[in-house]
Amino acid sequence: MSVNNDGPLISPTDQDHLFEKFYQADNRSNVGRLGLGLAIASRIIALHQGRITVVSNPADHTTFTVYLAKGQPSS
């Protein structure tokens, strides 16, 4: 699953740290936020044997992609 955003780009330096607890990019709109959302999302995805990636550049805008392991069908 991918989510695309055409808002402000995320610098390569910030992309390297986005999924760390309490990390916040140097951005004034972060006032009052804790920097936990992407860390929690990343942990939940990892617990399901998946991964999350981010690509942010002028050509692709910002895209978060979640990869999950293919599960066995339910009976």
PDB file of N, CA and C in Angstrom:
ATOM      1  N   MET A   1       0.853  -1.151   0.000  1.00  0.00           N
ATOM      2  CA  MET A   1       0.000   0.000   0.000  1.00  0.00           C
ATOM      3  C   MET A   1       0.906   1.223   0.000  1.00  0.00           C
ATOM      4  N   SER A   2       0.568   2.232  -0.787  1.00  0.00           N
ATOM      5  CA  SER A   2       1.330   3.472  -0.826  1.00  0.00           C
ATOM      6  C   SER A   2       0.431   4.662  -0.567  1.00  0.00           C
ATOM      7  N   VAL A   3       0.995   5.644   0.108  1.00  0.00           N
ATOM      8  CA  VAL A   3       0.311   6.910   0.360  1.00  0.00           C
ATOM      9  C   VAL A   3       1.206   7.999  -0.201  1.00  0.00           C
ATOM     10  N   ASN A   4       0.651   8.819  -1.089  1.00  0.00           N
ATOM     11  CA  ASN A   4       1.416   9.873  -1.744  1.00  0.00           C
ATOM     12  C   ASN A   4       0.949  11.233  -1.255  1.00  0.00           C
ATOM     13  N   ASN A   5       1.899  12.138  -1.054  1.00  0.00           N
ATOM     14  CA  ASN A   5       1.608  13.476  -0.563  1.00  0.00           C
ATOM     15  C   ASN A   5       2.352  14.464  -1.441  1.00  0.00           C
ATOM     16  N   ASP A   6       1.673  15.473  -1.934  1.00  0.00           N
ATOM     17  CA  ASP A   6       2.360  16.468  -2.763  1.00  0.00           C
ATOM     18  C   ASP A   6       2.704  17.724  -1.967  1.00  0.00           C
ATOM     19  N   GLY A   7       2.787  17.601  -0.651  1.00  0.00           N
ATOM     20  CA  GLY A   7       3.164  18.721   0.215  1.00  0.00           C
ATOM     21  C   GLY A   7       4.669  18.924   0.219  1.00  0.00           C
ATOM     22  N   PRO A   8       5.175  19.583   1.247  1.00  0.00           N
ATOM     23  CA  PRO A   8       6.618  19.852   1.319  1.00  0.00           C
ATOM     24  C   PRO A   8       7.433  18.558   1.304  1.00  0.00           C
ATOM     25  N   LEU A   9       8.588  18.619   0.639  1.00  0.00           N
ATOM     26  CA  LEU A   9       9.454  17.454   0.555  1.00  0.00           C
ATOM     27  C   LEU A   9      10.175  17.235   1.876  1.00  0.00           C
ATOM     28  N   ILE A  10      10.630  16.016   2.105  1.00  0.00           N
ATOM     29  CA  ILE A  10      11.379  15.649   3.298  1.00  0.00           C
ATOM     30  C   ILE A  10      12.838  15.483   2.881  1.00  0.00           C
ATOM     31  N   SER A  11      13.732  16.180   3.556  1.00  0.00           N
ATOM     32  CA  SER A  11      15.151  16.132   3.190  1.00  0.00           C
ATOM     33  C   SER A  11      15.704  14.724   3.370  1.00  0.00           C
ATOM     34  N   PRO A  12      16.751  14.375   2.614  1.00  0.00           N
ATOM     35  CA  PRO A  12      17.367  13.049   2.773  1.00  0.00           C
ATOM     36  C   PRO A  12      17.839  12.795   4.208  1.00  0.00           C
ATOM     37  N   THR A  13      18.356  13.803   4.878  1.00  0.00           N
ATOM     38  CA  THR A  13      18.795  13.649   6.266  1.00  0.00           C
ATOM     39  C   THR A  13      17.620  13.283   7.159  1.00  0.00           C
ATOM     40  N   ASP A  14      16.496  13.980   6.993  1.00  0.00           N
ATOM     41  CA  ASP A  14      15.314  13.680   7.794  1.00  0.00           C
ATOM     42  C   ASP A  14      14.748  12.311   7.454  1.00  0.00           C
ATOM     43  N   GLN A  15      14.800  11.910   6.193  1.00  0.00           N
ATOM     44  CA  GLN A  15      14.288  10.595   5.794  1.00  0.00           C
ATOM     45  C   GLN A  15      15.015   9.477   6.531  1.00  0.00           C
ATOM     46  N   ASP A  16      16.307   9.669   6.807  1.00  0.00           N
ATOM     47  CA  ASP A  16      17.092   8.657   7.504  1.00  0.00           C
ATOM     48  C   ASP A  16      16.644   8.456   8.952  1.00  0.00           C
ATOM     49  N   HIS A  17      15.915   9.423   9.516  1.00  0.00           N
ATOM     50  CA  HIS A  17      15.548   9.373  10.929  1.00  0.00           C
ATOM     51  C   HIS A  17      14.041   9.364  11.184  1.00  0.00           C
ATOM     52  N   LEU A  18      13.232   9.418  10.153  1.00  0.00           N
ATOM     53  CA  LEU A  18      11.786   9.581  10.315  1.00  0.00           C
ATOM     54  C   LEU A  18      11.121   8.547  11.210  1.00  0.00           C
ATOM     55  N   PHE A  19      11.644   7.339  11.242  1.00  0.00           N
ATOM     56  CA  PHE A  19      10.978   6.257  11.962  1.00  0.00           C
ATOM     57  C   PHE A  19      11.552   6.054  13.370  1.00  0.00           C
ATOM     58  N   GLU A  20      12.402   6.989  13.815  1.00  0.00           N
ATOM     59  CA  GLU A  20      12.960   6.927  15.167  1.00  0.00           C
ATOM     60  C   GLU A  20      12.010   7.612  16.150  1.00  0.00           C
ATOM     61  N   LYS A  21      11.899   7.048  17.352  1.00  0.00           N
ATOM     62  CA  LYS A  21      11.053   7.647  18.389  1.00  0.00           C
ATOM     63  C   LYS A  21      11.505   9.071  18.666  1.00  0.00           C
ATOM     64  N   PHE A  22      10.553   9.962  18.787  1.00  0.00           N
ATOM     65  CA  PHE A  22      10.724  11.359  19.173  1.00  0.00           C
ATOM     66  C   PHE A  22      11.456  12.213  18.138  1.00  0.00           C
ATOM     67  N   TYR A  23      11.778  11.652  16.967  1.00  0.00           N
ATOM     68  CA  TYR A  23      12.468  12.454  15.950  1.00  0.00           C
ATOM     69  C   TYR A  23      11.482  13.422  15.313  1.00  0.00           C
ATOM     70  N   GLN A  24      11.905  14.653  15.183  1.00  0.00           N
ATOM     71  CA  GLN A  24      11.117  15.666  14.494  1.00  0.00           C
ATOM     72  C   GLN A  24      12.043  16.458  13.586  1.00  0.00           C
ATOM     73  N   ALA A  25      11.626  16.640  12.357  1.00  0.00           N
ATOM     74  CA  ALA A  25      12.389  17.494  11.450  1.00  0.00           C
ATOM     75  C   ALA A  25      12.329  18.920  11.976  1.00  0.00           C
ATOM     76  N   ASP A  26      13.303  19.704  11.635  1.00  0.00           N
ATOM     77  CA  ASP A  26      13.321  21.102  12.056  1.00  0.00           C
ATOM     78  C   ASP A  26      12.241  21.842  11.284  1.00  0.00           C
ATOM     79  N   ASN A  27      11.044  21.885  11.869  1.00  0.00           N
ATOM     80  CA  ASN A  27       9.883  22.429  11.183  1.00  0.00           C
ATOM     81  C   ASN A  27       8.984  23.092  12.220  1.00  0.00           C
ATOM     82  N   ARG A  28       8.634  24.318  12.023  1.00  0.00           N
ATOM     83  CA  ARG A  28       7.827  25.050  13.003  1.00  0.00           C
ATOM     84  C   ARG A  28       6.424  24.481  13.183  1.00  0.00           C
ATOM     85  N   SER A  29       5.929  23.729  12.219  1.00  0.00           N
ATOM     86  CA  SER A  29       4.588  23.158  12.360  1.00  0.00           C
ATOM     87  C   SER A  29       4.569  21.964  13.319  1.00  0.00           C
ATOM     88  N   ASN A  30       5.733  21.556  13.822  1.00  0.00           N
ATOM     89  CA  ASN A  30       5.813  20.420  14.740  1.00  0.00           C
ATOM     90  C   ASN A  30       5.549  20.812  16.187  1.00  0.00           C
ATOM     91  N   VAL A  31       5.292  22.071  16.468  1.00  0.00           N
ATOM     92  CA  VAL A  31       5.095  22.519  17.833  1.00  0.00           C
ATOM     93  C   VAL A  31       3.953  21.732  18.480  1.00  0.00           C
ATOM     94  N   GLY A  32       4.219  21.176  19.654  1.00  0.00           N
ATOM     95  CA  GLY A  32       3.205  20.422  20.372  1.00  0.00           C
ATOM     96  C   GLY A  32       3.072  18.972  19.947  1.00  0.00           C
ATOM     97  N   ARG A  33       3.909  18.507  19.046  1.00  0.00           N
ATOM     98  CA  ARG A  33       3.860  17.113  18.596  1.00  0.00           C
ATOM     99  C   ARG A  33       5.004  16.343  19.246  1.00  0.00           C
ATOM    100  N   LEU A  34       4.859  15.033  19.333  1.00  0.00           N
ATOM    101  CA  LEU A  34       5.848  14.224  20.040  1.00  0.00           C
ATOM    102  C   LEU A  34       6.812  13.463  19.136  1.00  0.00           C
ATOM    103  N   GLY A  35       6.492  13.297  17.874  1.00  0.00           N
ATOM    104  CA  GLY A  35       7.373  12.540  16.996  1.00  0.00           C
ATOM    105  C   GLY A  35       7.278  11.043  17.223  1.00  0.00           C
ATOM    106  N   LEU A  36       6.079  10.556  17.525  1.00  0.00           N
ATOM    107  CA  LEU A  36       5.899   9.129  17.787  1.00  0.00           C
ATOM    108  C   LEU A  36       5.128   8.390  16.697  1.00  0.00           C
ATOM    109  N   GLY A  37       4.351   9.072  15.899  1.00  0.00           N
ATOM    110  CA  GLY A  37       3.445   8.422  14.949  1.00  0.00           C
ATOM    111  C   GLY A  37       4.124   7.469  13.987  1.00  0.00           C
ATOM    112  N   LEU A  38       5.173   7.917  13.314  1.00  0.00           N
ATOM    113  CA  LEU A  38       5.839   7.046  12.348  1.00  0.00           C
ATOM    114  C   LEU A  38       6.633   5.942  13.035  1.00  0.00           C
ATOM    115  N   ALA A  39       7.159   6.204  14.228  1.00  0.00           N
ATOM    116  CA  ALA A  39       7.858   5.164  14.983  1.00  0.00           C
ATOM    117  C   ALA A  39       6.885   4.063  15.381  1.00  0.00           C
ATOM    118  N   ILE A  40       5.700   4.437  15.825  1.00  0.00           N
ATOM    119  CA  ILE A  40       4.684   3.445  16.200  1.00  0.00           C
ATOM    120  C   ILE A  40       4.224   2.671  14.969  1.00  0.00           C
ATOM    121  N   ALA A  41       3.956   3.367  13.882  1.00  0.00           N
ATOM    122  CA  ALA A  41       3.534   2.700  12.649  1.00  0.00           C
ATOM    123  C   ALA A  41       4.598   1.715  12.177  1.00  0.00           C
ATOM    124  N   SER A  42       5.849   2.137  12.217  1.00  0.00           N
ATOM    125  CA  SER A  42       6.948   1.279  11.786  1.00  0.00           C
ATOM    126  C   SER A  42       7.045   0.025  12.660  1.00  0.00           C
ATOM    127  N   ARG A  43       6.869   0.183  13.948  1.00  0.00           N
ATOM    128  CA  ARG A  43       6.946  -0.956  14.873  1.00  0.00           C
ATOM    129  C   ARG A  43       5.797  -1.942  14.626  1.00  0.00           C
ATOM    130  N   ILE A  44       4.598  -1.437  14.447  1.00  0.00           N
ATOM    131  CA  ILE A  44       3.447  -2.308  14.176  1.00  0.00           C
ATOM    132  C   ILE A  44       3.660  -3.083  12.877  1.00  0.00           C
ATOM    133  N   ILE A  45       4.139  -2.393  11.863  1.00  0.00           N
ATOM    134  CA  ILE A  45       4.392  -3.044  10.572  1.00  0.00           C
ATOM    135  C   ILE A  45       5.469  -4.114  10.729  1.00  0.00           C
ATOM    136  N   ALA A  46       6.541  -3.802  11.479  1.00  0.00           N
ATOM    137  CA  ALA A  46       7.618  -4.775  11.705  1.00  0.00           C
ATOM    138  C   ALA A  46       7.106  -6.007  12.450  1.00  0.00           C
ATOM    139  N   LEU A  47       6.214  -5.805  13.411  1.00  0.00           N
ATOM    140  CA  LEU A  47       5.642  -6.937  14.149  1.00  0.00           C
ATOM    141  C   LEU A  47       4.839  -7.865  13.245  1.00  0.00           C
ATOM    142  N   HIS A  48       4.404  -7.363  12.112  1.00  0.00           N
ATOM    143  CA  HIS A  48       3.668  -8.158  11.121  1.00  0.00           C
ATOM    144  C   HIS A  48       4.589  -8.593   9.981  1.00  0.00           C
ATOM    145  N   GLN A  49       5.888  -8.625  10.259  1.00  0.00           N
ATOM    146  CA  GLN A  49       6.911  -9.019   9.290  1.00  0.00           C
ATOM    147  C   GLN A  49       6.887  -8.173   8.021  1.00  0.00           C
ATOM    148  N   GLY A  50       6.611  -6.896   8.168  1.00  0.00           N
ATOM    149  CA  GLY A  50       6.591  -5.987   7.028  1.00  0.00           C
ATOM    150  C   GLY A  50       7.631  -4.898   7.185  1.00  0.00           C
ATOM    151  N   ARG A  51       7.570  -3.944   6.299  1.00  0.00           N
ATOM    152  CA  ARG A  51       8.465  -2.788   6.370  1.00  0.00           C
ATOM    153  C   ARG A  51       7.773  -1.586   5.757  1.00  0.00           C
ATOM    154  N   ILE A  52       8.265  -0.401   6.102  1.00  0.00           N
ATOM    155  CA  ILE A  52       7.740   0.846   5.553  1.00  0.00           C
ATOM    156  C   ILE A  52       8.913   1.639   5.010  1.00  0.00           C
ATOM    157  N   THR A  53       8.713   2.255   3.858  1.00  0.00           N
ATOM    158  CA  THR A  53       9.758   3.076   3.246  1.00  0.00           C
ATOM    159  C   THR A  53       9.196   4.446   2.914  1.00  0.00           C
ATOM    160  N   VAL A  54      10.102   5.385   2.684  1.00  0.00           N
ATOM    161  CA  VAL A  54       9.709   6.730   2.263  1.00  0.00           C
ATOM    162  C   VAL A  54      10.603   7.159   1.112  1.00  0.00           C
ATOM    163  N   VAL A  55       9.995   7.791   0.123  1.00  0.00           N
ATOM    164  CA  VAL A  55      10.706   8.428  -0.980  1.00  0.00           C
ATOM    165  C   VAL A  55      10.170   9.840  -1.052  1.00  0.00           C
ATOM    166  N   SER A  56      11.071  10.815  -1.061  1.00  0.00           N
ATOM    167  CA  SER A  56      10.637  12.210  -1.133  1.00  0.00           C
ATOM    168  C   SER A  56      11.580  12.960  -2.050  1.00  0.00           C
ATOM    169  N   ASN A  57      11.088  13.303  -3.224  1.00  0.00           N
ATOM    170  CA  ASN A  57      11.876  14.069  -4.193  1.00  0.00           C
ATOM    171  C   ASN A  57      10.927  14.809  -5.123  1.00  0.00           C
ATOM    172  N   PRO A  58      11.440  15.814  -5.825  1.00  0.00           N
ATOM    173  CA  PRO A  58      10.553  16.618  -6.679  1.00  0.00           C
ATOM    174  C   PRO A  58       9.812  15.815  -7.743  1.00  0.00           C
ATOM    175  N   ALA A  59      10.407  14.736  -8.238  1.00  0.00           N
ATOM    176  CA  ALA A  59       9.756  13.949  -9.286  1.00  0.00           C
ATOM    177  C   ALA A  59       8.614  13.103  -8.735  1.00  0.00           C
ATOM    178  N   ASP A  60       8.807  12.532  -7.532  1.00  0.00           N
ATOM    179  CA  ASP A  60       7.823  11.600  -6.974  1.00  0.00           C
ATOM    180  C   ASP A  60       7.006  12.177  -5.830  1.00  0.00           C
ATOM    181  N   HIS A  61       7.300  13.407  -5.417  1.00  0.00           N
ATOM    182  CA  HIS A  61       6.711  14.006  -4.213  1.00  0.00           C
ATOM    183  C   HIS A  61       7.119  13.137  -3.016  1.00  0.00           C
ATOM    184  N   THR A  62       6.264  12.966  -2.045  1.00  0.00           N
ATOM    185  CA  THR A  62       6.585  12.117  -0.890  1.00  0.00           C
ATOM    186  C   THR A  62       5.645  10.928  -0.887  1.00  0.00           C
ATOM    187  N   THR A  63       6.230   9.737  -0.880  1.00  0.00           N
ATOM    188  CA  THR A  63       5.451   8.515  -0.884  1.00  0.00           C
ATOM    189  C   THR A  63       5.921   7.594   0.230  1.00  0.00           C
ATOM    190  N   PHE A  64       4.995   7.202   1.094  1.00  0.00           N
ATOM    191  CA  PHE A  64       5.240   6.180   2.096  1.00  0.00           C
ATOM    192  C   PHE A  64       4.644   4.889   1.557  1.00  0.00           C
ATOM    193  N   THR A  65       5.438   3.816   1.564  1.00  0.00           N
ATOM    194  CA  THR A  65       4.970   2.527   1.069  1.00  0.00           C
ATOM    195  C   THR A  65       5.120   1.489   2.167  1.00  0.00           C
ATOM    196  N   VAL A  66       4.055   0.726   2.396  1.00  0.00           N
ATOM    197  CA  VAL A  66       4.044  -0.341   3.392  1.00  0.00           C
ATOM    198  C   VAL A  66       4.041  -1.666   2.645  1.00  0.00           C
ATOM    199  N   TYR A  67       4.988  -2.530   3.021  1.00  0.00           N
ATOM    200  CA  TYR A  67       5.085  -3.878   2.470  1.00  0.00           C
ATOM    201  C   TYR A  67       4.775  -4.852   3.597  1.00  0.00           C
ATOM    202  N   LEU A  68       3.830  -5.741   3.361  1.00  0.00           N
ATOM    203  CA  LEU A  68       3.474  -6.765   4.346  1.00  0.00           C
ATOM    204  C   LEU A  68       3.701  -8.142   3.744  1.00  0.00           C
ATOM    205  N   ALA A  69       4.103  -9.084   4.595  1.00  0.00           N
ATOM    206  CA  ALA A  69       4.300 -10.458   4.146  1.00  0.00           C
ATOM    207  C   ALA A  69       2.963 -11.053   3.729  1.00  0.00           C
ATOM    208  N   LYS A  70       3.002 -11.835   2.695  1.00  0.00           N
ATOM    209  CA  LYS A  70       1.780 -12.502   2.241  1.00  0.00           C
ATOM    210  C   LYS A  70       1.421 -13.574   3.258  1.00  0.00           C
ATOM    211  N   GLY A  71       0.216 -13.475   3.798  1.00  0.00           N
ATOM    212  CA  GLY A  71      -0.228 -14.418   4.818  1.00  0.00           C
ATOM    213  C   GLY A  71      -0.945 -15.609   4.209  1.00  0.00           C
ATOM    214  N   GLN A  72      -1.197 -16.574   5.059  1.00  0.00           N
ATOM    215  CA  GLN A  72      -1.970 -17.744   4.659  1.00  0.00           C
ATOM    216  C   GLN A  72      -3.448 -17.386   4.661  1.00  0.00           C
ATOM    217  N   PRO A  73      -4.229 -17.907   3.728  1.00  0.00           N
ATOM    218  CA  PRO A  73      -5.676 -17.623   3.720  1.00  0.00           C
ATOM    219  C   PRO A  73      -6.332 -18.135   4.995  1.00  0.00           C
ATOM    220  N   SER A  74      -7.324 -17.410   5.447  1.00  0.00           N
ATOM    221  CA  SER A  74      -8.097 -17.825   6.641  1.00  0.00           C
ATOM    222  C   SER A  74      -9.034 -18.946   6.239  1.00  0.00           C
ATOM    223  N   SER A  75      -9.301 -19.845   7.188  1.00  0.00           N
ATOM    224  CA  SER A  75     -10.276 -20.889   6.870  1.00  0.00           C
ATOM    225  C   SER A  75     -11.597 -20.611   7.509  1.00  0.00           C
TER     226      SER A  75
END
